[in-house]
Amino acid sequence: MSEIPIFRDSFQDSFASRAEAGKQLAAAIVAELTQLRSECRGDPAIAIAKPIVYALPRGGLPVAVPIAEQLHCPLDIVVAKKITTVFNPELAIGALTADGEIVWGSNEMGSSIYNGRIREKDVHHAQAKAEFQLAQLSKFRPQVSPKGKIAILVDDGIATGMTMAVAAKAMQAQKPAQIWIAVPVAPVQLMSSLEEWCDRAIVLATPDPFISVSRFYVDFPQVDLSEAQAYLEKCNQRQF
C-alpha cells in the first residue's frame, strides 16, 4: 500500500451523533478526493476512479449515509464480526467477514488448552453471525463492484482495529483502484497500522487515552436491524 496521508481535524470533546460525524467525514473525504485527482493526473486509472462507500454494519451505516450522499455514490456494506473465545466472551482474538476472510489479533491465545477444536467453534459462531447479518441486509444492497473504484470503508470508530483490518483484507481481493478507511475516531496507537490496511486514511480524531468509541459521542444508541435496512435502502434509492 502507498503512503497514507492522515487527516486530523480539530476535536472538541465528542461528536453529537453518528450522522454529525459522518457529515464531518464527508467534508474531509471531498477534500482528499480533490487532492487525489490533482496528484494522479498522470495515472488515469486513479484520476477517474469513482468512489463507493462501504459501511461496517450496523454502527457504520449512519456515519456512511452523509458520505455517500455528499459523493453521490452507492452505499454498500462489508460485514465483519469479532471472534471471541469461550474463555472470555468479551475478549476479541480475531475478526472475520461473512465471505470467510480472517485476521487474528497479536494477543491470540496460543496455549495448549486453546486447541483447534475450540478455535474452530469460535470461528463458526462468528461466521454464523456475519452470514446472518449479511443475509438480512443483502436485498437492500446496490449491485456494484469495487473493481477499479475507490472503496471507502466507514465505521463509527476503530477500537482494536481487527474488524476494519479484516474488512480491508476482504476488499483487497476484489481489486479496487484504492482502499480508503474513514472513521471519526481511533486510538493514536493504531495509526501506524493503517499502512498495512489501506492506501489513504481519514481519521478526524485520535484522542489519548482512548477508552472506547462510545466515549466520544453524545448520542450513541445501538443501530437495530430495521434501521440498518432503512439506511441502505433509502440512501441507494436517492442516489439511483
C-alpha atoms as a PDB file:
ATOM      1  CA  MET A   1       0.000   0.000   0.000  1.00  0.00           C
ATOM      2  CA  SER A   2       1.116   3.561  -0.631  1.00  0.00           C
ATOM      3  CA  GLU A   3       1.995   6.235   1.899  1.00  0.00           C
ATOM      4  CA  ILE A   4      -1.061   7.367   3.826  1.00  0.00           C
ATOM      5  CA  PRO A   5      -1.989  10.983   4.417  1.00  0.00           C
ATOM      6  CA  ILE A   6      -3.846  11.174   7.727  1.00  0.00           C
ATOM      7  CA  PHE A   7      -6.391  13.923   8.148  1.00  0.00           C
ATOM      8  CA  ARG A   8      -6.895  15.107  11.724  1.00  0.00           C
ATOM      9  CA  ASP A   9      -9.488  17.753  12.279  1.00  0.00           C
ATOM     10  CA  SER A  10      -9.842  19.881  15.392  1.00  0.00           C
ATOM     11  CA  PHE A  11     -11.668  17.836  18.034  1.00  0.00           C
ATOM     12  CA  GLN A  12     -13.687  19.198  20.881  1.00  0.00           C
ATOM     13  CA  ASP A  13     -14.939  16.662  23.406  1.00  0.00           C
ATOM     14  CA  SER A  14     -17.258  14.472  21.369  1.00  0.00           C
ATOM     15  CA  PHE A  15     -19.390  14.143  18.251  1.00  0.00           C
ATOM     16  CA  ALA A  16     -23.073  14.946  18.658  1.00  0.00           C
ATOM     17  CA  SER A  17     -24.135  11.802  16.779  1.00  0.00           C
ATOM     18  CA  ARG A  18     -23.009   9.328  14.144  1.00  0.00           C
ATOM     19  CA  ALA A  19     -24.759  11.415  11.482  1.00  0.00           C
ATOM     20  CA  GLU A  20     -22.892  14.555  12.540  1.00  0.00           C
ATOM     21  CA  ALA A  21     -19.604  12.670  12.497  1.00  0.00           C
ATOM     22  CA  GLY A  22     -20.491  11.439   9.020  1.00  0.00           C
ATOM     23  CA  LYS A  23     -21.008  14.987   7.776  1.00  0.00           C
ATOM     24  CA  GLN A  24     -17.584  15.982   9.062  1.00  0.00           C
ATOM     25  CA  LEU A  25     -16.030  12.931   7.444  1.00  0.00           C
ATOM     26  CA  ALA A  26     -17.782  13.708   4.166  1.00  0.00           C
ATOM     27  CA  ALA A  27     -16.175  17.158   4.039  1.00  0.00           C
ATOM     28  CA  ALA A  28     -12.749  15.658   4.747  1.00  0.00           C
ATOM     29  CA  ILE A  29     -13.199  12.978   2.088  1.00  0.00           C
ATOM     30  CA  VAL A  30     -14.207  15.515  -0.555  1.00  0.00           C
ATOM     31  CA  ALA A  31     -11.027  17.454   0.196  1.00  0.00           C
ATOM     32  CA  GLU A  32      -8.923  14.285  -0.041  1.00  0.00           C
ATOM     33  CA  LEU A  33     -10.553  13.274  -3.326  1.00  0.00           C
ATOM     34  CA  THR A  34      -9.819  16.704  -4.780  1.00  0.00           C
ATOM     35  CA  GLN A  35      -6.189  16.340  -3.717  1.00  0.00           C
ATOM     36  CA  LEU A  36      -6.021  12.819  -5.167  1.00  0.00           C
ATOM     37  CA  ARG A  37      -7.288  13.980  -8.563  1.00  0.00           C
ATOM     38  CA  SER A  38      -4.567  16.609  -8.596  1.00  0.00           C
ATOM     39  CA  GLU A  39      -1.847  14.166  -7.543  1.00  0.00           C
ATOM     40  CA  CYS A  40      -2.814  11.433 -10.013  1.00  0.00           C
ATOM     41  CA  ARG A  41      -3.330  13.336 -13.263  1.00  0.00           C
ATOM     42  CA  GLY A  42      -0.693  11.122 -14.854  1.00  0.00           C
ATOM     43  CA  ASP A  43      -2.486   7.946 -13.724  1.00  0.00           C
ATOM     44  CA  PRO A  44      -5.915   7.867 -15.402  1.00  0.00           C
ATOM     45  CA  ALA A  45      -6.949   4.685 -13.589  1.00  0.00           C
ATOM     46  CA  ILE A  46      -6.788   6.561 -10.282  1.00  0.00           C
ATOM     47  CA  ALA A  47      -7.697  10.024 -11.527  1.00  0.00           C
ATOM     48  CA  ILE A  48     -11.069   8.912 -12.912  1.00  0.00           C
ATOM     49  CA  ALA A  49     -11.827   6.154 -10.401  1.00  0.00           C
ATOM     50  CA  LYS A  50     -15.247   6.643  -8.850  1.00  0.00           C
ATOM     51  CA  PRO A  51     -15.879   6.105  -5.135  1.00  0.00           C
ATOM     52  CA  ILE A  52     -18.123   3.545  -3.487  1.00  0.00           C
ATOM     53  CA  VAL A  53     -18.819   3.826   0.237  1.00  0.00           C
ATOM     54  CA  TYR A  54     -18.765   0.600   2.263  1.00  0.00           C
ATOM     55  CA  ALA A  55     -20.134   0.753   5.788  1.00  0.00           C
ATOM     56  CA  LEU A  56     -19.361  -1.769   8.511  1.00  0.00           C
ATOM     57  CA  PRO A  57     -22.846  -2.503   9.868  1.00  0.00           C
ATOM     58  CA  ARG A  58     -24.546  -1.708  11.897  1.00  0.00           C
ATOM     59  CA  GLY A  59     -22.940   1.317  13.569  1.00  0.00           C
ATOM     60  CA  GLY A  60     -21.058   2.399  10.471  1.00  0.00           C
ATOM     61  CA  LEU A  61     -24.214   2.909   8.413  1.00  0.00           C
ATOM     62  CA  PRO A  62     -25.466   6.218   9.899  1.00  0.00           C
ATOM     63  CA  VAL A  63     -21.920   7.572   9.558  1.00  0.00           C
ATOM     64  CA  ALA A  64     -21.682   6.412   5.949  1.00  0.00           C
ATOM     65  CA  VAL A  65     -25.007   7.816   4.732  1.00  0.00           C
ATOM     66  CA  PRO A  66     -23.938  11.522   4.680  1.00  0.00           C
ATOM     67  CA  ILE A  67     -20.712  10.490   2.936  1.00  0.00           C
ATOM     68  CA  ALA A  68     -22.490   8.578   0.161  1.00  0.00           C
ATOM     69  CA  GLU A  69     -24.947  11.443  -0.224  1.00  0.00           C
ATOM     70  CA  GLN A  70     -22.175  14.018  -0.483  1.00  0.00           C
ATOM     71  CA  LEU A  71     -20.274  11.919  -3.026  1.00  0.00           C
ATOM     72  CA  HIS A  72     -23.437  10.901  -4.951  1.00  0.00           C
ATOM     73  CA  CYS A  73     -22.246   7.324  -4.914  1.00  0.00           C
ATOM     74  CA  PRO A  74     -23.582   3.895  -3.891  1.00  0.00           C
ATOM     75  CA  LEU A  75     -23.665   2.798  -0.262  1.00  0.00           C
ATOM     76  CA  ASP A  76     -22.787  -0.847   0.299  1.00  0.00           C
ATOM     77  CA  ILE A  77     -21.613  -2.889   3.293  1.00  0.00           C
ATOM     78  CA  VAL A  78     -18.815  -5.174   4.421  1.00  0.00           C
ATOM     79  CA  VAL A  79     -19.978  -7.399   7.274  1.00  0.00           C
ATOM     80  CA  ALA A  80     -17.184  -8.074   9.764  1.00  0.00           C
ATOM     81  CA  LYS A  81     -17.515  -9.688  13.181  1.00  0.00           C
ATOM     82  CA  LYS A  82     -15.115 -10.166  16.069  1.00  0.00           C
ATOM     83  CA  ILE A  83     -14.050 -13.684  17.011  1.00  0.00           C
ATOM     84  CA  THR A  84     -14.302 -14.180  20.756  1.00  0.00           C
ATOM     85  CA  THR A  85     -13.290 -17.092  22.927  1.00  0.00           C
ATOM     86  CA  VAL A  86     -15.339 -19.305  25.221  1.00  0.00           C
ATOM     87  CA  PHE A  87     -12.862 -18.452  27.976  1.00  0.00           C
ATOM     88  CA  ASN A  88     -13.605 -14.726  27.749  1.00  0.00           C
ATOM     89  CA  PRO A  89     -16.576 -13.656  25.572  1.00  0.00           C
ATOM     90  CA  GLU A  90     -15.529 -10.007  25.922  1.00  0.00           C
ATOM     91  CA  LEU A  91     -12.047 -10.595  24.505  1.00  0.00           C
ATOM     92  CA  ALA A  92     -11.707 -10.318  20.734  1.00  0.00           C
ATOM     93  CA  ILE A  93      -8.958 -12.624  19.485  1.00  0.00           C
ATOM     94  CA  GLY A  94      -9.609 -12.010  15.811  1.00  0.00           C
ATOM     95  CA  ALA A  95     -12.207 -10.970  13.259  1.00  0.00           C
ATOM     96  CA  LEU A  96     -13.764 -12.344  10.099  1.00  0.00           C
ATOM     97  CA  THR A  97     -16.020 -11.309   7.256  1.00  0.00           C
ATOM     98  CA  ALA A  98     -19.128 -13.052   6.005  1.00  0.00           C
ATOM     99  CA  ASP A  99     -17.198 -14.320   2.963  1.00  0.00           C
ATOM    100  CA  GLY A 100     -14.585 -16.037   5.110  1.00  0.00           C
ATOM    101  CA  GLU A 101     -11.605 -13.674   5.398  1.00  0.00           C
ATOM    102  CA  ILE A 102      -9.972 -13.899   8.852  1.00  0.00           C
ATOM    103  CA  VAL A 103      -7.384 -11.903  10.778  1.00  0.00           C
ATOM    104  CA  TRP A 104      -6.040 -12.831  14.193  1.00  0.00           C
ATOM    105  CA  GLY A 105      -5.056 -10.394  16.896  1.00  0.00           C
ATOM    106  CA  SER A 106      -1.482 -10.180  18.135  1.00  0.00           C
ATOM    107  CA  ASN A 107      -2.633 -11.472  21.520  1.00  0.00           C
ATOM    108  CA  GLU A 108      -4.334 -14.586  20.166  1.00  0.00           C
ATOM    109  CA  MET A 109      -4.298 -17.316  22.798  1.00  0.00           C
ATOM    110  CA  GLY A 110      -1.590 -19.829  21.973  1.00  0.00           C
ATOM    111  CA  SER A 111      -1.734 -22.114  24.994  1.00  0.00           C
ATOM    112  CA  SER A 112      -2.388 -25.798  24.535  1.00  0.00           C
ATOM    113  CA  ILE A 113      -5.796 -25.501  26.211  1.00  0.00           C
ATOM    114  CA  TYR A 114      -6.972 -23.280  23.364  1.00  0.00           C
ATOM    115  CA  ASN A 115      -6.887 -26.117  20.876  1.00  0.00           C
ATOM    116  CA  GLY A 116      -8.008 -26.329  17.282  1.00  0.00           C
ATOM    117  CA  ARG A 117     -11.421 -27.730  18.130  1.00  0.00           C
ATOM    118  CA  ILE A 118     -12.280 -24.822  20.421  1.00  0.00           C
ATOM    119  CA  ARG A 119     -10.982 -22.242  17.977  1.00  0.00           C
ATOM    120  CA  GLU A 120     -12.977 -23.837  15.162  1.00  0.00           C
ATOM    121  CA  LYS A 121     -16.114 -23.488  17.286  1.00  0.00           C
ATOM    122  CA  ASP A 122     -15.393 -19.810  17.972  1.00  0.00           C
ATOM    123  CA  VAL A 123     -14.817 -19.146  14.265  1.00  0.00           C
ATOM    124  CA  HIS A 124     -18.015 -20.975  13.335  1.00  0.00           C
ATOM    125  CA  HIS A 125     -20.012 -18.908  15.847  1.00  0.00           C
ATOM    126  CA  ALA A 126     -18.663 -15.607  14.492  1.00  0.00           C
ATOM    127  CA  GLN A 127     -19.139 -16.757  10.891  1.00  0.00           C
ATOM    128  CA  ALA A 128     -22.777 -17.632  11.558  1.00  0.00           C
ATOM    129  CA  LYS A 129     -23.417 -14.158  12.974  1.00  0.00           C
ATOM    130  CA  ALA A 130     -21.751 -12.495   9.988  1.00  0.00           C
ATOM    131  CA  GLU A 131     -23.641 -14.595   7.460  1.00  0.00           C
ATOM    132  CA  PHE A 132     -26.956 -13.941   9.216  1.00  0.00           C
ATOM    133  CA  GLN A 133     -26.423 -10.182   9.201  1.00  0.00           C
ATOM    134  CA  LEU A 134     -25.378 -10.206   5.557  1.00  0.00           C
ATOM    135  CA  ALA A 135     -28.488 -12.203   4.634  1.00  0.00           C
ATOM    136  CA  GLN A 136     -30.701  -9.699   6.455  1.00  0.00           C
ATOM    137  CA  LEU A 137     -29.179  -6.754   4.584  1.00  0.00           C
ATOM    138  CA  SER A 138     -28.438  -8.248   1.161  1.00  0.00           C
ATOM    139  CA  LYS A 139     -31.678  -7.294  -0.578  1.00  0.00           C
ATOM    140  CA  PHE A 140     -31.059  -3.619   0.261  1.00  0.00           C
ATOM    141  CA  ARG A 141     -27.559  -3.540  -1.226  1.00  0.00           C
ATOM    142  CA  PRO A 142     -26.739  -1.963  -4.600  1.00  0.00           C
ATOM    143  CA  GLN A 143     -25.477  -4.196  -7.393  1.00  0.00           C
ATOM    144  CA  VAL A 144     -21.999  -2.684  -7.669  1.00  0.00           C
ATOM    145  CA  SER A 145     -18.420  -3.931  -7.841  1.00  0.00           C
ATOM    146  CA  PRO A 146     -15.438  -2.167  -6.252  1.00  0.00           C
ATOM    147  CA  LYS A 147     -13.100  -3.326  -9.034  1.00  0.00           C
ATOM    148  CA  GLY A 148     -11.277  -0.280 -10.358  1.00  0.00           C
ATOM    149  CA  LYS A 149     -13.111   2.017  -7.924  1.00  0.00           C
ATOM    150  CA  ILE A 150     -12.080   3.828  -4.750  1.00  0.00           C
ATOM    151  CA  ALA A 151     -13.545   1.717  -1.953  1.00  0.00           C
ATOM    152  CA  ILE A 152     -14.121   3.854   1.144  1.00  0.00           C
ATOM    153  CA  LEU A 153     -14.547   1.745   4.303  1.00  0.00           C
ATOM    154  CA  VAL A 154     -16.512   3.556   7.005  1.00  0.00           C
ATOM    155  CA  ASP A 155     -17.269   2.775  10.639  1.00  0.00           C
ATOM    156  CA  ASP A 156     -18.307   4.834  13.652  1.00  0.00           C
ATOM    157  CA  GLY A 157     -14.842   4.367  15.132  1.00  0.00           C
ATOM    158  CA  ILE A 158     -11.922   1.979  15.489  1.00  0.00           C
ATOM    159  CA  ALA A 159     -11.106   0.396  18.844  1.00  0.00           C
ATOM    160  CA  THR A 160      -8.930  -2.712  18.425  1.00  0.00           C
ATOM    161  CA  GLY A 161      -8.854  -2.370  14.632  1.00  0.00           C
ATOM    162  CA  MET A 162      -9.495  -6.043  13.902  1.00  0.00           C
ATOM    163  CA  THR A 163     -12.862  -5.677  12.165  1.00  0.00           C
ATOM    164  CA  MET A 164     -11.563  -2.851   9.987  1.00  0.00           C
ATOM    165  CA  ALA A 165      -8.412  -4.813   9.185  1.00  0.00           C
ATOM    166  CA  VAL A 166     -10.370  -7.857   8.020  1.00  0.00           C
ATOM    167  CA  ALA A 167     -12.791  -5.658   6.046  1.00  0.00           C
ATOM    168  CA  ALA A 168      -9.837  -4.114   4.216  1.00  0.00           C
ATOM    169  CA  LYS A 169      -8.350  -7.557   3.598  1.00  0.00           C
ATOM    170  CA  ALA A 170     -11.619  -8.767   2.081  1.00  0.00           C
ATOM    171  CA  MET A 171     -11.842  -5.638  -0.066  1.00  0.00           C
ATOM    172  CA  GLN A 172      -8.311  -6.133  -1.436  1.00  0.00           C
ATOM    173  CA  ALA A 173      -9.415  -9.413  -3.010  1.00  0.00           C
ATOM    174  CA  GLN A 174     -11.974  -7.502  -5.117  1.00  0.00           C
ATOM    175  CA  LYS A 175      -9.246  -5.362  -6.740  1.00  0.00           C
ATOM    176  CA  PRO A 176     -10.372  -1.775  -6.174  1.00  0.00           C
ATOM    177  CA  ALA A 177      -8.151   1.007  -7.515  1.00  0.00           C
ATOM    178  CA  GLN A 178      -7.604   2.140  -3.930  1.00  0.00           C
ATOM    179  CA  ILE A 179      -8.884   1.340  -0.453  1.00  0.00           C
ATOM    180  CA  TRP A 180      -9.574   4.192   1.935  1.00  0.00           C
ATOM    181  CA  ILE A 181     -10.506   3.991   5.597  1.00  0.00           C
ATOM    182  CA  ALA A 182     -12.644   6.796   7.025  1.00  0.00           C
ATOM    183  CA  VAL A 183     -13.623   6.927  10.693  1.00  0.00           C
ATOM    184  CA  PRO A 184     -14.433   9.702  13.148  1.00  0.00           C
ATOM    185  CA  VAL A 185     -12.206   8.430  15.942  1.00  0.00           C
ATOM    186  CA  ALA A 186      -9.450   5.874  16.579  1.00  0.00           C
ATOM    187  CA  PRO A 187      -6.628   5.297  19.081  1.00  0.00           C
ATOM    188  CA  VAL A 188      -3.433   7.114  18.194  1.00  0.00           C
ATOM    189  CA  GLN A 189      -1.543   3.844  18.745  1.00  0.00           C
ATOM    190  CA  LEU A 190      -3.239   2.313  15.693  1.00  0.00           C
ATOM    191  CA  MET A 191      -2.243   4.987  13.223  1.00  0.00           C
ATOM    192  CA  SER A 192       0.916   3.224  12.063  1.00  0.00           C
ATOM    193  CA  SER A 193      -1.053   0.011  11.485  1.00  0.00           C
ATOM    194  CA  LEU A 194      -3.187   1.690   8.854  1.00  0.00           C
ATOM    195  CA  GLU A 195      -0.285   1.481   6.412  1.00  0.00           C
ATOM    196  CA  GLU A 196      -0.918  -2.252   6.231  1.00  0.00           C
ATOM    197  CA  TRP A 197      -4.630  -1.890   5.598  1.00  0.00           C
ATOM    198  CA  CYS A 198      -5.273   0.871   3.079  1.00  0.00           C
ATOM    199  CA  ASP A 199      -3.995   3.470   0.637  1.00  0.00           C
ATOM    200  CA  ARG A 200      -5.376   6.508   2.432  1.00  0.00           C
ATOM    201  CA  ALA A 201      -6.901   7.041   5.865  1.00  0.00           C
ATOM    202  CA  ILE A 202      -9.101   9.854   7.118  1.00  0.00           C
ATOM    203  CA  VAL A 203      -9.371   9.950  10.896  1.00  0.00           C
ATOM    204  CA  LEU A 204     -10.949  13.003  12.462  1.00  0.00           C
ATOM    205  CA  ALA A 205      -9.666  12.461  15.990  1.00  0.00           C
ATOM    206  CA  THR A 206      -7.020  10.336  17.715  1.00  0.00           C
ATOM    207  CA  PRO A 207      -7.586  11.110  21.422  1.00  0.00           C
ATOM    208  CA  ASP A 208      -5.391   9.654  24.118  1.00  0.00           C
ATOM    209  CA  PRO A 209      -6.467   7.999  26.348  1.00  0.00           C
ATOM    210  CA  PHE A 210      -8.980   6.355  24.054  1.00  0.00           C
ATOM    211  CA  ILE A 211     -11.153   4.185  26.386  1.00  0.00           C
ATOM    212  CA  SER A 212     -13.941   3.310  23.879  1.00  0.00           C
ATOM    213  CA  VAL A 213     -15.657   4.524  20.717  1.00  0.00           C
ATOM    214  CA  SER A 214     -18.892   5.386  22.560  1.00  0.00           C
ATOM    215  CA  ARG A 215     -16.963   7.727  24.873  1.00  0.00           C
ATOM    216  CA  PHE A 216     -16.616  10.212  22.008  1.00  0.00           C
ATOM    217  CA  TYR A 217     -20.313  10.549  21.124  1.00  0.00           C
ATOM    218  CA  VAL A 218     -23.052  12.453  22.926  1.00  0.00           C
ATOM    219  CA  ASP A 219     -25.739  10.297  21.307  1.00  0.00           C
ATOM    220  CA  PHE A 220     -24.657   6.712  20.631  1.00  0.00           C
ATOM    221  CA  PRO A 221     -27.671   4.367  20.543  1.00  0.00           C
ATOM    222  CA  GLN A 222     -27.487   0.864  19.142  1.00  0.00           C
ATOM    223  CA  VAL A 223     -28.484   0.666  15.488  1.00  0.00           C
ATOM    224  CA  ASP A 224     -31.062  -2.094  15.108  1.00  0.00           C
ATOM    225  CA  LEU A 225     -31.594  -4.228  12.035  1.00  0.00           C
ATOM    226  CA  SER A 226     -34.608  -2.330  10.703  1.00  0.00           C
ATOM    227  CA  GLU A 227     -32.688   0.948  10.932  1.00  0.00           C
ATOM    228  CA  ALA A 228     -29.719  -0.578   9.115  1.00  0.00           C
ATOM    229  CA  GLN A 229     -32.001  -1.803   6.341  1.00  0.00           C
ATOM    230  CA  ALA A 230     -33.633   1.624   6.057  1.00  0.00           C
ATOM    231  CA  TYR A 231     -30.275   3.416   5.795  1.00  0.00           C
ATOM    232  CA  LEU A 232     -29.184   1.188   2.924  1.00  0.00           C
ATOM    233  CA  GLU A 233     -32.493   1.249   1.088  1.00  0.00           C
ATOM    234  CA  LYS A 234     -33.230   4.971   1.326  1.00  0.00           C
ATOM    235  CA  CYS A 235     -29.703   6.112   0.561  1.00  0.00           C
ATOM    236  CA  ASN A 236     -29.424   3.985  -2.569  1.00  0.00           C
ATOM    237  CA  GLN A 237     -32.897   4.948  -3.753  1.00  0.00           C
ATOM    238  CA  ARG A 238     -31.921   8.612  -3.552  1.00  0.00           C
ATOM    239  CA  GLN A 239     -28.702   8.067  -5.427  1.00  0.00           C
ATOM    240  CA  PHE A 240     -30.008   5.977  -8.321  1.00  0.00           C
END
